[in-house]
Amino acid sequence: VLTGPVSAVAAGQYLIGLVNQVLPILHISYVFPRDYSSMVIALSVIIYFWRKNVRGIEESSEKALRIIQVTAVMAFILIVWSLVTLAVRGVHFPPFHITYSKHALGWLEHVDWVKTIGFVGIMIAFGHSVLAMSGEETLAQVYREIESPKMPNLKKAAVVITIFSFIFTAGLTMLAFMIIPDEIRVTTYEGNLLSGLSMYVAGPYTLRLIMQFLVVFIGFLILSGAVNTSMVGANGVLNRVAEDGILTDWFRIPHKRYGTSSRIIDMVAILQIVTVLACRGNIYALGEAYAFGVIWSFTFNGMAMLALRFKDRNPREFKVPLNFRV
């Protein structure tokens, strides 16, 4: 319910950001309002994938792999291009003093002493990075399809995700801070740093514009695909819940024409549409709701694991390093 809208609105912001940049080149003075335009695009993406899922979409891990491969190539080109830019222009480090935005501090916004202690700032940053860990929960959803031996393969997948995220997300974000001028980054590219980075690397304007189109197009593809993944995942989970008798069998009645569990898909799509309309395209409101959901999800997972350890006395298949016995 939250992953789909977050991805859809983010995809809309990528697209609207590009459109608003292209319009002045075409001598059109109109500027699309970012949030409301993103909301319209998000609703269109959700409705499109709702229809696809009702008709029975073919799950293709091969297509997803192709998108990731293209993304990796794009990231590699952008990293090399950025490093060349730094070599030509010189290295400009971001400021080493910590500054907080309103959205970074959240409920600590009015606690002044927090802003004077650097360690607290680092802890807040780690708090934000917990959101990135939510992607690891996808592994729990697909564990049935993972090739045996499951545990070594899960560990390999986690390592690959970590390396990819560290190089792609953290590396390119750092390069964006070093290359894009501060005042332009904050006002224009806050929601799509990679799009801004592609425009401020060294090189001919036409080449940079082509790169920006590629970045936005790939970003839109990934984020739109995540909307579909959220529907497929929710459909699978709720079908299992209905099989266990927690939801009534009414939800599992197949579509008369397509044979899909359309009632579950309809319910998920309606909740996603309501979520997008309620936030009115504000990605921060969605992010806060998503953060709340992720933290509670981890909390309940932890409580469930604790309960299972008391109930199941068998030796555990895997232990996190530095696992202390009590």
Protein backbone atom coordinates (compact mmCIF):
# COMPACT_ATOMS: atom_id res chain seq x y z
CA VAL A 1 0.00 0.00 0.00
CA LEU A 2 2.93 2.38 0.66
CA THR A 3 5.70 1.00 -1.56
CA GLY A 4 3.57 1.43 -4.69
CA PRO A 5 2.61 5.09 -4.06
CA VAL A 6 6.17 6.05 -2.97
CA SER A 7 7.59 4.57 -6.18
CA ALA A 8 4.83 5.99 -8.40
CA VAL A 9 5.11 9.54 -7.00
CA ALA A 10 8.93 9.41 -7.22
CA ALA A 11 8.62 8.29 -10.86
CA GLY A 12 6.27 11.22 -11.49
CA GLN A 13 8.73 13.67 -9.92
CA TYR A 14 11.55 12.40 -12.14
CA LEU A 15 9.38 12.86 -15.24
CA ILE A 16 7.99 16.28 -14.28
CA GLY A 17 11.46 17.53 -13.35
CA LEU A 18 12.68 16.66 -16.85
CA VAL A 19 9.62 18.20 -18.56
CA ASN A 20 10.04 21.46 -16.62
CA GLN A 21 13.67 21.62 -17.72
CA VAL A 22 12.89 20.96 -21.38
CA LEU A 23 10.03 23.51 -21.64
CA PRO A 24 12.31 26.63 -21.46
CA ILE A 25 14.48 25.14 -24.24
CA LEU A 26 11.32 25.00 -26.37
CA HIS A 27 10.57 28.65 -25.37
CA ILE A 28 7.53 27.62 -23.31
CA SER A 29 7.26 29.58 -20.06
CA TYR A 30 4.74 27.28 -18.34
CA VAL A 31 5.97 25.30 -15.30
CA PHE A 32 4.06 22.21 -14.17
CA PRO A 33 3.39 22.12 -10.39
CA ARG A 34 5.67 19.33 -9.17
CA ASP A 35 3.52 17.65 -6.51
CA TYR A 36 0.15 17.70 -8.27
CA SER A 37 1.64 16.69 -11.62
CA SER A 38 3.51 13.84 -9.92
CA MET A 39 0.22 12.78 -8.33
CA VAL A 40 -1.51 12.56 -11.74
CA ILE A 41 1.37 10.49 -13.19
CA ALA A 42 1.39 8.25 -10.09
CA LEU A 43 -2.35 7.59 -10.43
CA SER A 44 -1.89 6.75 -14.13
CA VAL A 45 0.92 4.27 -13.34
CA ILE A 46 -1.11 2.58 -10.57
CA ILE A 47 -4.23 2.28 -12.77
CA TYR A 48 -2.11 0.89 -15.64
CA PHE A 49 -0.56 -1.86 -13.50
CA TRP A 50 -3.89 -2.56 -11.78
CA ARG A 51 -5.35 -3.35 -15.21
CA LYS A 52 -2.33 -5.43 -16.16
CA ASN A 53 -2.53 -7.47 -12.94
CA VAL A 54 -6.27 -8.06 -13.24
CA ARG A 55 -5.70 -9.44 -16.75
CA GLY A 56 -2.82 -11.58 -15.49
CA ILE A 57 0.63 -10.09 -15.91
CA GLU A 58 3.51 -12.37 -16.79
CA GLU A 59 6.17 -12.18 -14.08
CA SER A 60 9.50 -11.86 -15.85
CA SER A 61 12.66 -11.93 -13.75
CA GLU A 62 14.58 -11.71 -17.05
CA LYS A 63 13.10 -8.26 -17.81
CA ALA A 64 13.91 -7.07 -14.29
CA LEU A 65 17.48 -8.34 -14.72
CA ARG A 66 17.82 -6.41 -18.01
CA ILE A 67 16.68 -3.19 -16.29
CA ILE A 68 19.24 -3.72 -13.49
CA GLN A 69 21.98 -4.40 -16.06
CA VAL A 70 21.13 -1.21 -17.97
CA THR A 71 21.05 0.69 -14.66
CA ALA A 72 24.48 -0.67 -13.71
CA VAL A 73 25.93 0.41 -17.08
CA MET A 74 24.38 3.88 -16.71
CA ALA A 75 25.73 4.18 -13.14
CA PHE A 76 29.22 3.13 -14.28
CA ILE A 77 29.21 5.72 -17.11
CA LEU A 78 27.99 8.43 -14.73
CA ILE A 79 30.61 7.58 -12.08
CA VAL A 80 33.48 7.61 -14.63
CA TRP A 81 32.15 10.84 -16.19
CA SER A 82 31.88 12.45 -12.74
CA LEU A 83 35.44 11.45 -11.80
CA VAL A 84 36.72 12.91 -15.08
CA THR A 85 34.79 16.11 -14.28
CA LEU A 86 36.42 16.32 -10.84
CA ALA A 87 39.85 15.75 -12.43
CA VAL A 88 39.21 18.63 -14.88
CA ARG A 89 37.54 21.12 -12.51
CA GLY A 90 39.16 20.14 -9.23
CA VAL A 91 37.59 18.51 -6.20
CA HIS A 92 34.94 20.50 -4.34
CA PHE A 93 34.11 18.81 -1.05
CA PRO A 94 30.70 19.37 0.54
CA PRO A 95 30.78 21.36 3.81
CA PHE A 96 32.03 19.37 6.77
CA HIS A 97 29.72 21.07 9.28
CA ILE A 98 26.36 19.39 9.74
CA THR A 99 23.28 21.29 8.57
CA TYR A 100 19.80 19.89 9.05
CA SER A 101 16.77 20.32 6.87
CA LYS A 102 13.29 20.38 8.37
CA HIS A 103 12.52 16.97 6.90
CA ALA A 104 15.76 15.43 8.20
CA LEU A 105 15.07 16.29 11.84
CA GLY A 106 11.41 15.28 11.95
CA TRP A 107 10.08 15.48 15.53
CA LEU A 108 13.50 16.70 16.75
CA GLU A 109 13.09 19.95 14.76
CA HIS A 110 12.44 22.11 17.85
CA VAL A 111 15.03 20.43 20.11
CA ASP A 112 17.90 22.91 19.81
CA TRP A 113 20.62 21.02 21.71
CA VAL A 114 20.42 18.17 19.18
CA LYS A 115 21.83 20.47 16.47
CA THR A 116 25.05 21.09 18.43
CA ILE A 117 26.12 17.44 18.81
CA GLY A 118 27.66 15.84 15.72
CA PHE A 119 27.18 12.26 16.95
CA VAL A 120 23.40 12.81 17.16
CA GLY A 121 23.46 13.96 13.52
CA ILE A 122 25.23 10.75 12.54
CA MET A 123 22.61 8.69 14.41
CA ILE A 124 19.82 10.60 12.62
CA ALA A 125 21.53 9.81 9.30
CA PHE A 126 21.67 6.11 10.24
CA GLY A 127 17.97 6.34 11.12
CA HIS A 128 17.20 7.53 7.60
CA SER A 129 19.34 4.75 6.12
CA VAL A 130 17.16 2.13 7.86
CA LEU A 131 14.65 2.79 5.07
CA ALA A 132 17.11 1.32 2.58
CA MET A 133 17.07 -1.92 4.57
CA SER A 134 13.37 -2.38 3.80
CA GLY A 135 14.40 -3.64 0.36
CA GLU A 136 15.95 -6.67 2.07
CA GLU A 137 12.44 -7.76 3.07
CA THR A 138 11.82 -8.54 -0.60
CA LEU A 139 14.12 -11.54 -0.06
CA ALA A 140 11.62 -12.88 2.49
CA GLN A 141 8.83 -12.63 -0.09
CA VAL A 142 10.72 -14.59 -2.75
CA TYR A 143 12.48 -17.16 -0.53
CA ARG A 144 10.32 -19.99 -1.91
CA GLU A 145 11.68 -19.38 -5.40
CA ILE A 146 15.34 -19.10 -4.30
CA GLU A 147 17.54 -21.96 -5.47
CA SER A 148 18.86 -24.40 -2.86
CA PRO A 149 20.96 -24.08 -0.71
CA LYS A 150 18.83 -21.11 0.31
CA MET A 151 20.91 -19.60 3.12
CA PRO A 152 24.21 -19.24 1.18
CA ASN A 153 22.27 -17.85 -1.81
CA LEU A 154 20.40 -15.37 0.40
CA LYS A 155 23.72 -14.20 1.87
CA LYS A 156 25.17 -13.76 -1.64
CA ALA A 157 22.10 -11.73 -2.68
CA ALA A 158 22.44 -9.50 0.39
CA VAL A 159 26.14 -8.88 -0.37
CA VAL A 160 25.38 -7.99 -4.00
CA ILE A 161 22.61 -5.58 -2.90
CA THR A 162 24.96 -3.95 -0.37
CA ILE A 163 27.79 -3.46 -2.88
CA PHE A 164 25.42 -2.14 -5.55
CA SER A 165 23.75 0.26 -3.09
CA PHE A 166 27.07 1.49 -1.69
CA ILE A 167 28.56 2.25 -5.11
CA PHE A 168 25.39 3.39 -6.88
CA THR A 169 23.35 5.18 -4.19
CA ALA A 170 26.03 6.45 -1.80
CA GLY A 171 28.75 7.02 -4.42
CA LEU A 172 26.62 8.93 -6.90
CA THR A 173 24.97 10.99 -4.13
CA MET A 174 28.41 12.06 -2.89
CA LEU A 175 29.49 12.94 -6.45
CA ALA A 176 26.27 14.96 -6.93
CA PHE A 177 27.10 17.01 -3.81
CA MET A 178 30.63 17.61 -5.09
CA ILE A 179 29.65 18.62 -8.65
CA ILE A 180 26.22 20.32 -8.60
CA PRO A 181 26.36 23.89 -7.16
CA ASP A 182 24.68 24.00 -3.73
CA GLU A 183 22.05 26.64 -4.52
CA ILE A 184 20.96 24.85 -7.74
CA ARG A 185 20.96 21.39 -6.14
CA VAL A 186 18.66 22.47 -3.30
CA THR A 187 16.17 24.41 -5.46
CA THR A 188 16.06 22.33 -8.65
CA TYR A 189 17.42 18.82 -8.13
CA GLU A 190 16.51 17.93 -4.56
CA GLY A 191 14.16 15.18 -5.74
CA ASN A 192 16.29 13.81 -8.60
CA LEU A 193 20.02 14.19 -7.92
CA LEU A 194 21.11 11.90 -10.75
CA SER A 195 19.26 14.01 -13.30
CA GLY A 196 21.10 17.09 -11.99
CA LEU A 197 24.45 15.28 -11.93
CA SER A 198 24.11 14.33 -15.59
CA MET A 199 23.62 18.03 -16.47
CA TYR A 200 26.59 19.35 -14.47
CA VAL A 201 29.33 16.96 -15.57
CA ALA A 202 31.94 18.27 -18.01
CA GLY A 203 31.19 17.88 -21.73
CA PRO A 204 29.01 19.10 -24.63
CA TYR A 205 25.49 20.22 -23.69
CA THR A 206 23.82 17.87 -26.19
CA LEU A 207 25.63 14.85 -24.74
CA ARG A 208 24.66 15.85 -21.19
CA LEU A 209 21.03 16.31 -22.24
CA ILE A 210 20.98 12.81 -23.79
CA MET A 211 22.45 11.41 -20.57
CA GLN A 212 19.79 13.20 -18.53
CA PHE A 213 17.03 11.70 -20.71
CA LEU A 214 18.55 8.25 -20.17
CA VAL A 215 18.81 8.72 -16.40
CA VAL A 216 15.20 9.90 -16.10
CA PHE A 217 13.88 7.17 -18.43
CA ILE A 218 15.70 4.38 -16.54
CA GLY A 219 14.64 5.87 -13.17
CA PHE A 220 11.04 6.02 -14.37
CA LEU A 221 11.23 2.38 -15.56
CA ILE A 222 12.65 1.11 -12.24
CA LEU A 223 10.18 3.06 -10.11
CA SER A 224 7.19 2.12 -12.28
CA GLY A 225 8.29 -1.51 -12.14
CA ALA A 226 8.33 -1.24 -8.34
CA VAL A 227 4.61 -0.31 -8.45
CA ASN A 228 3.93 -3.58 -10.28
CA THR A 229 6.13 -5.49 -7.83
CA SER A 230 4.17 -4.05 -4.90
CA MET A 231 0.88 -5.26 -6.42
CA VAL A 232 2.25 -8.71 -7.26
CA GLY A 233 3.78 -9.03 -3.76
CA ALA A 234 0.63 -7.87 -1.96
CA ASN A 235 -1.50 -10.22 -4.07
CA GLY A 236 0.73 -13.17 -3.18
CA VAL A 237 0.84 -12.38 0.55
CA LEU A 238 -2.91 -11.72 0.85
CA ASN A 239 -3.72 -14.91 -1.07
CA ARG A 240 -1.72 -16.88 1.52
CA VAL A 241 -3.50 -14.98 4.32
CA ALA A 242 -6.85 -15.91 2.72
CA GLU A 243 -5.73 -19.55 2.40
CA ASP A 244 -5.02 -19.57 6.16
CA GLY A 245 -8.59 -18.37 6.81
CA ILE A 246 -7.64 -14.93 8.16
CA LEU A 247 -9.35 -13.25 5.19
CA THR A 248 -12.66 -14.65 3.96
CA ASP A 249 -12.81 -16.83 0.83
CA TRP A 250 -14.72 -14.00 -0.91
CA PHE A 251 -11.35 -12.37 -1.68
CA ARG A 252 -10.11 -15.49 -3.49
CA ILE A 253 -13.01 -15.85 -5.94
CA PRO A 254 -11.33 -15.74 -9.38
CA HIS A 255 -12.17 -13.20 -12.08
CA LYS A 256 -14.84 -14.62 -14.42
CA ARG A 257 -12.84 -13.84 -17.55
CA TYR A 258 -9.15 -13.80 -16.53
CA GLY A 259 -9.12 -16.20 -13.56
CA THR A 260 -7.00 -13.86 -11.40
CA SER A 261 -7.67 -12.94 -7.76
CA SER A 262 -9.00 -9.59 -8.95
CA ARG A 263 -10.74 -8.68 -5.69
CA ILE A 264 -7.45 -8.61 -3.80
CA ILE A 265 -5.81 -6.67 -6.64
CA ASP A 266 -8.75 -4.20 -6.68
CA MET A 267 -8.47 -3.68 -2.92
CA VAL A 268 -4.71 -3.04 -3.07
CA ALA A 269 -5.07 -0.65 -6.04
CA ILE A 270 -7.88 1.31 -4.33
CA LEU A 271 -5.79 1.68 -1.15
CA GLN A 272 -2.79 2.84 -3.22
CA ILE A 273 -4.93 5.40 -5.10
CA VAL A 274 -6.39 6.71 -1.81
CA THR A 275 -2.84 7.00 -0.39
CA VAL A 276 -1.61 9.01 -3.40
CA LEU A 277 -4.66 11.32 -3.24
CA ALA A 278 -4.26 11.79 0.53
CA CYS A 279 -0.60 12.85 0.24
CA ARG A 280 -1.33 15.02 -2.88
CA GLY A 281 2.00 14.07 -4.42
CA ASN A 282 4.07 15.08 -1.38
CA ILE A 283 6.95 12.58 -1.34
CA TYR A 284 7.98 13.59 2.21
CA ALA A 285 4.57 12.72 3.66
CA LEU A 286 4.77 9.34 1.93
CA GLY A 287 8.35 8.84 3.12
CA GLU A 288 7.38 9.49 6.74
CA ALA A 289 4.46 7.05 6.53
CA TYR A 290 6.75 4.49 4.87
CA ALA A 291 9.42 4.96 7.56
CA PHE A 292 6.81 4.38 10.27
CA GLY A 293 5.65 1.19 8.51
CA VAL A 294 9.20 -0.12 8.06
CA ILE A 295 10.17 0.45 11.71
CA TRP A 296 7.00 -1.25 12.97
CA SER A 297 7.57 -4.11 10.53
CA PHE A 298 11.09 -4.66 11.92
CA THR A 299 9.75 -4.35 15.49
CA PHE A 300 7.13 -7.06 14.96
CA ASN A 301 9.63 -9.26 13.08
CA GLY A 302 11.99 -8.97 16.06
CA MET A 303 9.21 -9.85 18.52
CA ALA A 304 8.19 -12.83 16.37
CA MET A 305 11.80 -14.09 16.24
CA LEU A 306 12.08 -13.76 20.03
CA ALA A 307 8.87 -15.76 20.52
CA LEU A 308 10.04 -18.44 18.07
CA ARG A 309 13.39 -18.83 19.85
CA PHE A 310 11.56 -19.72 23.08
CA LYS A 311 9.19 -22.09 21.26
CA ASP A 312 11.70 -23.78 18.92
CA ARG A 313 14.75 -25.08 20.81
CA ASN A 314 16.46 -26.61 17.75
CA PRO A 315 19.91 -25.26 16.78
CA ARG A 316 19.53 -22.26 14.48
CA GLU A 317 20.63 -22.59 10.85
CA PHE A 318 22.31 -19.16 10.85
CA LYS A 319 23.54 -16.79 13.55
CA VAL A 320 24.52 -13.16 13.03
CA PRO A 321 28.22 -12.67 13.92
CA LEU A 322 28.85 -11.51 17.54
CA ASN A 323 25.74 -13.41 18.63
CA PHE A 324 25.86 -13.23 22.44
CA ARG A 325 24.36 -16.03 24.52
CA VAL A 326 22.26 -15.08 27.55
